[in-house]
Amino acid sequence: MRFIFVCALLGVFVSHFIGAVVFRFTNFVCMSYNESWFKVHQCRLKAISRENVILNMNGTILHAVNTIHLQYIMLKKANGFKPWLVDSRMDVCRFLRSNYDPTFKIIFNLFKDFTNANHTCPYSGPVIVKGFYLRPELLILPFPTGEYMLSLRWSYDHRHQIDTNISFLFVEDMKKT
């Protein structure tokens, strides 16, 4: 109970400083290990302005997939990227039915408005993330200033198929408030 209260209090504190936050993508890498299952058509960042960068990803699942597992790891840069806070595995099909993983729910809420990946399994066809930009008001937990990488390792039918690594910068500038 105390943890929830502290998180809520910190969330209110962070929301007060929303205008003083730099929260943008710095790098995006997609790697398909089996192009007969998943084909990457587009994987890029596009700078809209100095502060705003959007992410676009377009790929196709070529065969119907009934089980999708995801390992997501949050890394923080300190003499290279080091593991930080989260290293977890989850069943994506189960998550899309019931939102059972609270940590991934925070991540999913950031990009769910920009993707067509919003239905349950079986999955096949195009997977599109278009015009995705980071919105600090959706973060409910505070982040220390720094550069981070979210590593997503996707497995279809128990075979590792795709890696997506998303690097981003989070800087709180308390002088702007």
N, C-alpha and C. Protein backbone atom coordinates (compact mmCIF):
# COMPACT_ATOMS: atom_id res chain seq x y z
N MET A 1 0.83 -1.19 0.00
CA MET A 1 0.00 0.00 0.00
C MET A 1 0.87 1.25 0.00
N ARG A 2 1.94 1.21 0.81
CA ARG A 2 2.84 2.36 0.89
C ARG A 2 3.49 2.61 -0.48
N PHE A 3 3.86 1.51 -1.19
CA PHE A 3 4.48 1.63 -2.51
C PHE A 3 3.54 2.32 -3.50
N ILE A 4 2.27 1.95 -3.48
CA ILE A 4 1.30 2.57 -4.39
C ILE A 4 1.15 4.05 -4.08
N PHE A 5 1.11 4.40 -2.78
CA PHE A 5 0.99 5.81 -2.39
C PHE A 5 2.20 6.61 -2.86
N VAL A 6 3.40 6.05 -2.66
CA VAL A 6 4.63 6.74 -3.08
C VAL A 6 4.64 6.91 -4.60
N CYS A 7 4.25 5.87 -5.35
CA CYS A 7 4.20 5.97 -6.82
C CYS A 7 3.20 7.04 -7.26
N ALA A 8 2.04 7.07 -6.63
CA ALA A 8 1.04 8.08 -6.98
C ALA A 8 1.56 9.48 -6.68
N LEU A 9 2.20 9.66 -5.53
CA LEU A 9 2.74 10.96 -5.16
C LEU A 9 3.83 11.39 -6.15
N LEU A 10 4.71 10.46 -6.52
CA LEU A 10 5.75 10.79 -7.49
C LEU A 10 5.16 11.06 -8.87
N GLY A 11 4.09 10.34 -9.22
CA GLY A 11 3.41 10.60 -10.50
C GLY A 11 2.84 12.00 -10.56
N VAL A 12 2.26 12.47 -9.46
CA VAL A 12 1.75 13.84 -9.39
C VAL A 12 2.89 14.83 -9.50
N PHE A 13 4.01 14.53 -8.82
CA PHE A 13 5.18 15.40 -8.88
C PHE A 13 5.72 15.51 -10.31
N VAL A 14 5.84 14.35 -10.99
CA VAL A 14 6.35 14.34 -12.36
C VAL A 14 5.38 15.06 -13.29
N SER A 15 4.07 14.88 -13.10
CA SER A 15 3.11 15.53 -13.98
C SER A 15 3.18 17.04 -13.86
N HIS A 16 3.61 17.56 -12.71
CA HIS A 16 3.77 19.00 -12.54
C HIS A 16 4.89 19.53 -13.44
N PHE A 17 5.88 18.69 -13.72
CA PHE A 17 7.03 19.11 -14.50
C PHE A 17 6.99 18.60 -15.94
N ILE A 18 5.81 18.28 -16.46
CA ILE A 18 5.67 17.75 -17.82
C ILE A 18 6.30 18.69 -18.85
N GLY A 19 6.10 19.98 -18.72
CA GLY A 19 6.64 20.93 -19.68
C GLY A 19 8.15 21.02 -19.63
N ALA A 20 8.75 20.50 -18.57
CA ALA A 20 10.18 20.61 -18.39
C ALA A 20 10.88 19.28 -18.67
N VAL A 21 10.29 18.48 -19.53
CA VAL A 21 10.83 17.15 -19.80
C VAL A 21 11.19 17.02 -21.28
N VAL A 22 12.37 16.48 -21.54
CA VAL A 22 12.74 16.08 -22.89
C VAL A 22 12.61 14.56 -22.92
N PHE A 23 11.73 14.06 -23.77
CA PHE A 23 11.44 12.64 -23.84
C PHE A 23 11.33 12.31 -25.32
N ARG A 24 12.43 11.81 -25.91
CA ARG A 24 12.41 11.57 -27.35
C ARG A 24 13.27 10.37 -27.70
N PHE A 25 12.97 9.82 -28.88
CA PHE A 25 13.73 8.68 -29.39
C PHE A 25 15.10 9.12 -29.85
N THR A 26 16.09 8.24 -29.68
CA THR A 26 17.43 8.51 -30.20
C THR A 26 17.89 7.46 -31.20
N ASN A 27 17.33 6.24 -31.13
CA ASN A 27 17.73 5.19 -32.06
C ASN A 27 16.65 4.11 -32.08
N PHE A 28 16.52 3.44 -33.23
CA PHE A 28 15.55 2.36 -33.37
C PHE A 28 16.13 1.33 -34.33
N VAL A 29 16.25 0.09 -33.88
CA VAL A 29 16.85 -0.97 -34.68
C VAL A 29 15.91 -2.18 -34.67
N CYS A 30 15.62 -2.71 -35.86
CA CYS A 30 14.81 -3.93 -36.00
C CYS A 30 15.68 -4.99 -36.68
N MET A 31 15.57 -6.22 -36.19
CA MET A 31 16.33 -7.31 -36.78
C MET A 31 15.46 -8.54 -36.83
N SER A 32 15.14 -9.01 -38.05
CA SER A 32 14.38 -10.23 -38.22
C SER A 32 15.36 -11.38 -38.42
N TYR A 33 15.23 -12.41 -37.60
CA TYR A 33 16.13 -13.56 -37.69
C TYR A 33 15.61 -14.64 -38.63
N ASN A 34 14.35 -14.54 -39.02
CA ASN A 34 13.76 -15.53 -39.91
C ASN A 34 12.78 -14.80 -40.83
N GLU A 35 13.26 -14.36 -41.98
CA GLU A 35 12.43 -13.57 -42.88
C GLU A 35 11.36 -14.39 -43.58
N SER A 36 11.36 -15.70 -43.40
CA SER A 36 10.25 -16.48 -43.93
C SER A 36 9.05 -16.44 -42.98
N TRP A 37 9.24 -15.92 -41.75
CA TRP A 37 8.14 -15.74 -40.79
C TRP A 37 7.76 -14.28 -40.62
N PHE A 38 8.77 -13.41 -40.51
CA PHE A 38 8.49 -11.97 -40.32
C PHE A 38 9.41 -11.18 -41.23
N LYS A 39 8.82 -10.34 -42.04
CA LYS A 39 9.57 -9.50 -42.98
C LYS A 39 9.45 -8.05 -42.53
N VAL A 40 10.57 -7.38 -42.30
CA VAL A 40 10.59 -5.97 -41.92
C VAL A 40 10.65 -5.13 -43.19
N HIS A 41 9.67 -4.25 -43.38
CA HIS A 41 9.65 -3.38 -44.55
C HIS A 41 10.22 -2.00 -44.22
N GLN A 42 9.92 -1.50 -43.04
CA GLN A 42 10.39 -0.17 -42.64
C GLN A 42 10.67 -0.19 -41.14
N CYS A 43 11.77 0.43 -40.76
CA CYS A 43 12.16 0.51 -39.36
C CYS A 43 13.00 1.78 -39.23
N ARG A 44 12.35 2.90 -38.87
CA ARG A 44 13.11 4.15 -38.85
C ARG A 44 12.51 5.18 -37.92
N LEU A 45 13.36 6.13 -37.59
CA LEU A 45 12.94 7.32 -36.85
C LEU A 45 12.93 8.49 -37.81
N LYS A 46 12.02 9.42 -37.58
CA LYS A 46 11.95 10.62 -38.41
C LYS A 46 11.90 11.83 -37.49
N ALA A 47 12.85 12.74 -37.66
CA ALA A 47 12.90 13.95 -36.85
C ALA A 47 11.90 14.96 -37.38
N ILE A 48 10.97 15.36 -36.54
CA ILE A 48 9.98 16.38 -36.88
C ILE A 48 10.52 17.76 -36.50
N SER A 49 11.14 17.84 -35.35
CA SER A 49 11.82 19.05 -34.89
C SER A 49 12.94 18.60 -33.96
N ARG A 50 13.62 19.55 -33.36
CA ARG A 50 14.72 19.21 -32.47
C ARG A 50 14.25 18.38 -31.28
N GLU A 51 13.06 18.67 -30.79
CA GLU A 51 12.53 17.98 -29.61
C GLU A 51 11.63 16.80 -29.95
N ASN A 52 11.11 16.72 -31.17
CA ASN A 52 10.14 15.69 -31.52
C ASN A 52 10.67 14.75 -32.59
N VAL A 53 10.63 13.46 -32.27
CA VAL A 53 11.06 12.41 -33.19
C VAL A 53 9.96 11.35 -33.19
N ILE A 54 9.55 10.92 -34.39
CA ILE A 54 8.52 9.88 -34.47
C ILE A 54 9.13 8.57 -34.96
N LEU A 55 8.51 7.48 -34.54
CA LEU A 55 8.95 6.14 -34.87
C LEU A 55 7.96 5.53 -35.85
N ASN A 56 8.47 4.95 -36.92
CA ASN A 56 7.66 4.23 -37.88
C ASN A 56 8.24 2.83 -38.07
N MET A 57 7.37 1.84 -37.98
CA MET A 57 7.78 0.46 -38.21
C MET A 57 6.68 -0.23 -38.99
N ASN A 58 7.08 -0.96 -40.03
CA ASN A 58 6.13 -1.68 -40.86
C ASN A 58 6.73 -3.06 -41.14
N GLY A 59 5.98 -4.08 -40.81
CA GLY A 59 6.43 -5.45 -41.05
C GLY A 59 5.25 -6.35 -41.33
N THR A 60 5.52 -7.55 -41.77
CA THR A 60 4.46 -8.50 -42.08
C THR A 60 4.77 -9.85 -41.45
N ILE A 61 3.78 -10.38 -40.73
CA ILE A 61 3.86 -11.74 -40.23
C ILE A 61 3.33 -12.63 -41.37
N LEU A 62 4.17 -13.47 -41.91
CA LEU A 62 3.84 -14.21 -43.12
C LEU A 62 3.04 -15.49 -42.88
N HIS A 63 3.07 -16.02 -41.67
CA HIS A 63 2.31 -17.22 -41.33
C HIS A 63 1.51 -16.94 -40.07
N ALA A 64 0.35 -17.55 -39.94
CA ALA A 64 -0.48 -17.35 -38.75
C ALA A 64 0.29 -17.81 -37.51
N VAL A 65 0.27 -16.96 -36.49
CA VAL A 65 0.99 -17.23 -35.25
C VAL A 65 -0.01 -17.38 -34.12
N ASN A 66 0.09 -18.49 -33.39
CA ASN A 66 -0.84 -18.76 -32.29
C ASN A 66 -0.26 -18.43 -30.92
N THR A 67 1.06 -18.45 -30.80
CA THR A 67 1.69 -18.09 -29.53
C THR A 67 2.80 -17.08 -29.80
N ILE A 68 2.74 -15.97 -29.10
CA ILE A 68 3.75 -14.93 -29.19
C ILE A 68 4.26 -14.67 -27.78
N HIS A 69 5.56 -14.81 -27.60
CA HIS A 69 6.18 -14.51 -26.31
C HIS A 69 7.14 -13.34 -26.51
N LEU A 70 7.26 -12.54 -25.47
CA LEU A 70 8.09 -11.34 -25.53
C LEU A 70 8.96 -11.28 -24.29
N GLN A 71 10.25 -11.05 -24.51
CA GLN A 71 11.15 -10.72 -23.41
C GLN A 71 11.47 -9.25 -23.56
N TYR A 72 11.17 -8.47 -22.54
CA TYR A 72 11.48 -7.04 -22.60
C TYR A 72 12.43 -6.69 -21.47
N ILE A 73 13.47 -5.94 -21.86
CA ILE A 73 14.53 -5.56 -20.94
C ILE A 73 14.73 -4.06 -21.04
N MET A 74 14.71 -3.38 -19.91
CA MET A 74 15.00 -1.95 -19.87
C MET A 74 16.46 -1.80 -19.46
N LEU A 75 17.22 -1.08 -20.28
CA LEU A 75 18.63 -0.86 -20.03
C LEU A 75 18.89 0.64 -19.88
N LYS A 76 19.84 0.99 -19.04
CA LYS A 76 20.22 2.40 -18.87
C LYS A 76 21.68 2.56 -19.27
N LYS A 77 21.98 3.67 -19.94
CA LYS A 77 23.34 3.90 -20.42
C LYS A 77 24.21 4.44 -19.29
N ALA A 78 25.28 3.71 -19.03
CA ALA A 78 26.30 4.10 -18.05
C ALA A 78 27.54 3.29 -18.43
N ASN A 79 28.43 3.88 -19.22
CA ASN A 79 29.56 3.15 -19.80
C ASN A 79 29.05 1.96 -20.60
N GLY A 80 28.14 2.22 -21.52
CA GLY A 80 27.45 1.18 -22.27
C GLY A 80 26.10 0.94 -21.62
N PHE A 81 25.24 0.22 -22.29
CA PHE A 81 23.91 -0.05 -21.74
C PHE A 81 23.99 -1.19 -20.73
N LYS A 82 23.48 -0.94 -19.54
CA LYS A 82 23.47 -1.92 -18.45
C LYS A 82 22.03 -2.24 -18.07
N PRO A 83 21.76 -3.47 -17.66
CA PRO A 83 20.39 -3.81 -17.23
C PRO A 83 19.93 -2.88 -16.11
N TRP A 84 18.67 -2.46 -16.22
CA TRP A 84 18.13 -1.51 -15.24
C TRP A 84 16.64 -1.78 -15.06
N LEU A 85 16.23 -2.07 -13.88
CA LEU A 85 14.85 -2.13 -13.44
C LEU A 85 14.05 -3.32 -13.94
N VAL A 86 14.00 -3.59 -15.26
CA VAL A 86 13.07 -4.60 -15.77
C VAL A 86 13.80 -5.59 -16.68
N ASP A 87 13.55 -6.87 -16.43
CA ASP A 87 13.93 -7.95 -17.33
C ASP A 87 12.86 -9.02 -17.14
N SER A 88 11.90 -9.07 -18.05
CA SER A 88 10.74 -9.92 -17.84
C SER A 88 10.32 -10.59 -19.14
N ARG A 89 9.60 -11.70 -19.01
CA ARG A 89 9.01 -12.41 -20.14
C ARG A 89 7.50 -12.43 -19.97
N MET A 90 6.81 -12.44 -21.09
CA MET A 90 5.34 -12.47 -21.03
C MET A 90 4.75 -13.12 -22.26
N ASP A 91 3.51 -13.55 -22.14
CA ASP A 91 2.73 -14.12 -23.23
C ASP A 91 1.90 -12.99 -23.82
N VAL A 92 2.22 -12.57 -25.04
CA VAL A 92 1.56 -11.43 -25.68
C VAL A 92 0.09 -11.72 -25.95
N CYS A 93 -0.23 -12.92 -26.39
CA CYS A 93 -1.63 -13.27 -26.67
C CYS A 93 -2.48 -13.16 -25.41
N ARG A 94 -1.95 -13.64 -24.30
CA ARG A 94 -2.67 -13.52 -23.03
C ARG A 94 -2.78 -12.06 -22.60
N PHE A 95 -1.71 -11.28 -22.80
CA PHE A 95 -1.74 -9.86 -22.42
C PHE A 95 -2.81 -9.11 -23.21
N LEU A 96 -2.94 -9.38 -24.50
CA LEU A 96 -3.94 -8.69 -25.31
C LEU A 96 -5.37 -9.06 -24.92
N ARG A 97 -5.54 -10.21 -24.28
CA ARG A 97 -6.86 -10.58 -23.77
C ARG A 97 -7.16 -9.96 -22.41
N SER A 98 -6.14 -9.86 -21.54
CA SER A 98 -6.43 -9.49 -20.15
C SER A 98 -5.54 -8.43 -19.51
N ASN A 99 -4.54 -7.90 -20.20
CA ASN A 99 -3.63 -6.89 -19.63
C ASN A 99 -3.09 -7.31 -18.27
N TYR A 100 -2.54 -8.51 -18.17
CA TYR A 100 -2.14 -9.05 -16.88
C TYR A 100 -0.79 -8.55 -16.38
N ASP A 101 0.05 -7.99 -17.21
CA ASP A 101 1.39 -7.57 -16.82
C ASP A 101 1.42 -6.06 -16.60
N PRO A 102 1.50 -5.58 -15.35
CA PRO A 102 1.41 -4.13 -15.10
C PRO A 102 2.57 -3.33 -15.68
N THR A 103 3.76 -3.92 -15.72
CA THR A 103 4.91 -3.20 -16.27
C THR A 103 4.76 -3.01 -17.77
N PHE A 104 4.40 -4.07 -18.48
CA PHE A 104 4.23 -3.95 -19.93
C PHE A 104 3.00 -3.11 -20.27
N LYS A 105 2.04 -3.05 -19.38
CA LYS A 105 0.86 -2.21 -19.62
C LYS A 105 1.26 -0.74 -19.75
N ILE A 106 2.24 -0.29 -18.97
CA ILE A 106 2.76 1.07 -19.08
C ILE A 106 3.38 1.28 -20.46
N ILE A 107 4.18 0.31 -20.92
CA ILE A 107 4.82 0.40 -22.23
C ILE A 107 3.78 0.36 -23.34
N PHE A 108 2.83 -0.56 -23.25
CA PHE A 108 1.80 -0.71 -24.27
C PHE A 108 0.93 0.54 -24.38
N ASN A 109 0.61 1.19 -23.26
CA ASN A 109 -0.20 2.42 -23.29
C ASN A 109 0.50 3.55 -24.03
N LEU A 110 1.84 3.53 -24.08
CA LEU A 110 2.56 4.55 -24.82
C LEU A 110 2.32 4.45 -26.33
N PHE A 111 2.23 3.21 -26.86
CA PHE A 111 2.15 3.08 -28.32
C PHE A 111 0.86 2.48 -28.86
N LYS A 112 -0.11 2.15 -28.02
CA LYS A 112 -1.31 1.48 -28.52
C LYS A 112 -2.14 2.35 -29.46
N ASP A 113 -2.07 3.67 -29.35
CA ASP A 113 -2.82 4.55 -30.25
C ASP A 113 -2.20 4.66 -31.64
N PHE A 114 -0.99 4.14 -31.80
CA PHE A 114 -0.26 4.30 -33.05
C PHE A 114 -0.06 2.98 -33.80
N THR A 115 -0.70 1.91 -33.37
CA THR A 115 -0.45 0.60 -33.97
C THR A 115 -1.75 -0.13 -34.30
N ASN A 116 -1.63 -1.08 -35.20
CA ASN A 116 -2.76 -1.95 -35.51
C ASN A 116 -2.67 -3.27 -34.73
N ALA A 117 -1.67 -3.42 -33.89
CA ALA A 117 -1.48 -4.64 -33.10
C ALA A 117 -2.33 -4.55 -31.84
N ASN A 118 -3.63 -4.76 -31.99
CA ASN A 118 -4.54 -4.57 -30.86
C ASN A 118 -5.57 -5.68 -30.74
N HIS A 119 -5.37 -6.80 -31.43
CA HIS A 119 -6.32 -7.90 -31.31
C HIS A 119 -5.61 -9.16 -30.84
N THR A 120 -6.37 -10.16 -30.44
CA THR A 120 -5.78 -11.37 -29.88
C THR A 120 -5.33 -12.33 -30.98
N CYS A 121 -4.65 -13.37 -30.58
CA CYS A 121 -4.12 -14.36 -31.50
C CYS A 121 -5.23 -15.22 -32.07
N PRO A 122 -5.10 -15.82 -33.23
CA PRO A 122 -3.91 -15.91 -34.07
C PRO A 122 -3.63 -14.60 -34.81
N TYR A 123 -2.35 -14.35 -35.03
CA TYR A 123 -1.90 -13.13 -35.67
C TYR A 123 -1.26 -13.45 -37.01
N SER A 124 -1.57 -12.67 -38.02
CA SER A 124 -0.88 -12.75 -39.31
C SER A 124 -1.14 -11.45 -40.06
N GLY A 125 -0.32 -11.20 -41.07
CA GLY A 125 -0.50 -10.00 -41.87
C GLY A 125 0.36 -8.84 -41.38
N PRO A 126 -0.01 -7.63 -41.80
CA PRO A 126 0.83 -6.47 -41.49
C PRO A 126 0.78 -6.08 -40.01
N VAL A 127 1.95 -5.66 -39.51
CA VAL A 127 2.08 -5.08 -38.18
C VAL A 127 2.67 -3.69 -38.39
N ILE A 128 1.91 -2.68 -38.03
CA ILE A 128 2.31 -1.30 -38.34
C ILE A 128 2.31 -0.46 -37.06
N VAL A 129 3.39 0.30 -36.88
CA VAL A 129 3.45 1.35 -35.88
C VAL A 129 3.79 2.60 -36.67
N LYS A 130 2.90 3.59 -36.67
CA LYS A 130 3.09 4.77 -37.52
C LYS A 130 2.89 6.05 -36.72
N GLY A 131 3.87 6.95 -36.83
CA GLY A 131 3.76 8.27 -36.21
C GLY A 131 3.86 8.24 -34.69
N PHE A 132 4.48 7.22 -34.12
CA PHE A 132 4.57 7.07 -32.67
C PHE A 132 5.58 8.04 -32.09
N TYR A 133 5.14 8.86 -31.16
CA TYR A 133 6.03 9.76 -30.45
C TYR A 133 5.82 9.57 -28.95
N LEU A 134 6.82 9.91 -28.17
CA LEU A 134 6.77 9.69 -26.73
C LEU A 134 6.05 10.83 -26.04
N ARG A 135 5.15 10.47 -25.14
CA ARG A 135 4.36 11.45 -24.39
C ARG A 135 4.63 11.26 -22.90
N PRO A 136 5.31 12.22 -22.26
CA PRO A 136 5.67 12.06 -20.85
C PRO A 136 4.46 12.01 -19.91
N GLU A 137 3.34 12.54 -20.32
CA GLU A 137 2.15 12.52 -19.45
C GLU A 137 1.60 11.11 -19.24
N LEU A 138 1.99 10.16 -20.09
CA LEU A 138 1.52 8.78 -19.94
C LEU A 138 2.41 7.94 -19.00
N LEU A 139 3.56 8.48 -18.62
CA LEU A 139 4.41 7.76 -17.68
C LEU A 139 3.83 7.93 -16.28
N ILE A 140 3.58 6.81 -15.61
CA ILE A 140 3.05 6.91 -14.26
C ILE A 140 4.12 6.68 -13.21
N LEU A 141 5.30 6.28 -13.63
CA LEU A 141 6.42 6.12 -12.72
C LEU A 141 7.52 7.10 -13.10
N PRO A 142 8.21 7.67 -12.13
CA PRO A 142 9.29 8.62 -12.45
C PRO A 142 10.52 7.92 -13.00
N PHE A 143 11.22 8.61 -13.87
CA PHE A 143 12.48 8.12 -14.42
C PHE A 143 13.57 9.09 -14.02
N PRO A 144 14.74 8.59 -13.66
CA PRO A 144 15.88 9.50 -13.50
C PRO A 144 16.36 9.96 -14.87
N THR A 145 16.95 11.11 -14.93
CA THR A 145 17.48 11.63 -16.19
C THR A 145 18.53 10.66 -16.74
N GLY A 146 18.45 10.40 -18.05
CA GLY A 146 19.43 9.52 -18.66
C GLY A 146 18.98 9.02 -20.01
N GLU A 147 19.84 8.20 -20.62
CA GLU A 147 19.52 7.57 -21.89
C GLU A 147 19.22 6.10 -21.62
N TYR A 148 18.13 5.62 -22.21
CA TYR A 148 17.64 4.28 -21.95
C TYR A 148 17.47 3.52 -23.26
N MET A 149 17.42 2.19 -23.14
CA MET A 149 17.08 1.36 -24.28
C MET A 149 16.09 0.30 -23.82
N LEU A 150 15.02 0.14 -24.58
CA LEU A 150 14.06 -0.92 -24.35
C LEU A 150 14.32 -1.98 -25.40
N SER A 151 14.76 -3.14 -24.95
CA SER A 151 15.05 -4.25 -25.85
C SER A 151 13.87 -5.21 -25.83
N LEU A 152 13.29 -5.45 -27.00
CA LEU A 152 12.14 -6.34 -27.14
C LEU A 152 12.57 -7.53 -28.00
N ARG A 153 12.48 -8.73 -27.43
CA ARG A 153 12.83 -9.98 -28.14
C ARG A 153 11.56 -10.77 -28.35
N TRP A 154 11.11 -10.87 -29.61
CA TRP A 154 9.84 -11.50 -29.96
C TRP A 154 10.07 -12.94 -30.39
N SER A 155 9.27 -13.86 -29.85
CA SER A 155 9.33 -15.27 -30.22
C SER A 155 7.95 -15.70 -30.70
N TYR A 156 7.88 -16.29 -31.89
CA TYR A 156 6.64 -16.81 -32.44
C TYR A 156 6.72 -18.32 -32.41
N ASP A 157 5.70 -18.97 -31.88
CA ASP A 157 5.65 -20.42 -31.77
C ASP A 157 6.94 -20.98 -31.18
N HIS A 158 7.43 -20.32 -30.12
CA HIS A 158 8.59 -20.73 -29.33
C HIS A 158 9.91 -20.67 -30.10
N ARG A 159 9.98 -19.83 -31.13
CA ARG A 159 11.23 -19.61 -31.86
C ARG A 159 11.51 -18.11 -31.89
N HIS A 160 12.74 -17.74 -31.53
CA HIS A 160 13.13 -16.33 -31.52
C HIS A 160 13.11 -15.81 -32.97
N GLN A 161 12.28 -14.79 -33.23
CA GLN A 161 12.10 -14.31 -34.60
C GLN A 161 12.63 -12.88 -34.82
N ILE A 162 12.35 -11.98 -33.90
CA ILE A 162 12.64 -10.55 -34.13
C ILE A 162 13.22 -9.93 -32.86
N ASP A 163 14.14 -8.99 -33.06
CA ASP A 163 14.60 -8.09 -31.99
C ASP A 163 14.27 -6.66 -32.42
N THR A 164 13.72 -5.90 -31.51
CA THR A 164 13.55 -4.46 -31.73
C THR A 164 14.16 -3.76 -30.53
N ASN A 165 15.08 -2.86 -30.78
CA ASN A 165 15.75 -2.09 -29.74
C ASN A 165 15.40 -0.61 -29.93
N ILE A 166 14.79 -0.04 -28.91
CA ILE A 166 14.34 1.34 -28.98
C ILE A 166 15.10 2.13 -27.93
N SER A 167 15.92 3.09 -28.38
CA SER A 167 16.66 3.94 -27.46
C SER A 167 15.95 5.28 -27.35
N PHE A 168 15.93 5.81 -26.13
CA PHE A 168 15.29 7.11 -25.92
C PHE A 168 16.01 7.88 -24.83
N LEU A 169 15.79 9.19 -24.86
CA LEU A 169 16.41 10.11 -23.92
C LEU A 169 15.31 10.68 -23.02
N PHE A 170 15.56 10.69 -21.73
CA PHE A 170 14.63 11.29 -20.79
C PHE A 170 15.43 12.26 -19.93
N VAL A 171 15.10 13.55 -20.03
CA VAL A 171 15.81 14.59 -19.27
C VAL A 171 14.78 15.49 -18.62
N GLU A 172 14.90 15.63 -17.32
CA GLU A 172 14.07 16.57 -16.60
C GLU A 172 14.87 17.86 -16.44
N ASP A 173 14.34 18.95 -16.94
CA ASP A 173 14.99 20.25 -16.82
C ASP A 173 14.18 21.07 -15.85
N MET A 174 14.59 21.06 -14.60
CA MET A 174 13.83 21.76 -13.57
C MET A 174 13.92 23.28 -13.70
N LYS A 175 14.86 23.79 -14.49
CA LYS A 175 15.00 25.24 -14.65
C LYS A 175 13.87 25.84 -15.48
N LYS A 176 13.21 25.02 -16.34
CA LYS A 176 12.15 25.55 -17.21
C LYS A 176 10.85 25.82 -16.46
N THR A 177 10.68 25.23 -15.28
CA THR A 177 9.40 25.40 -14.57
C THR A 177 9.36 26.67 -13.76
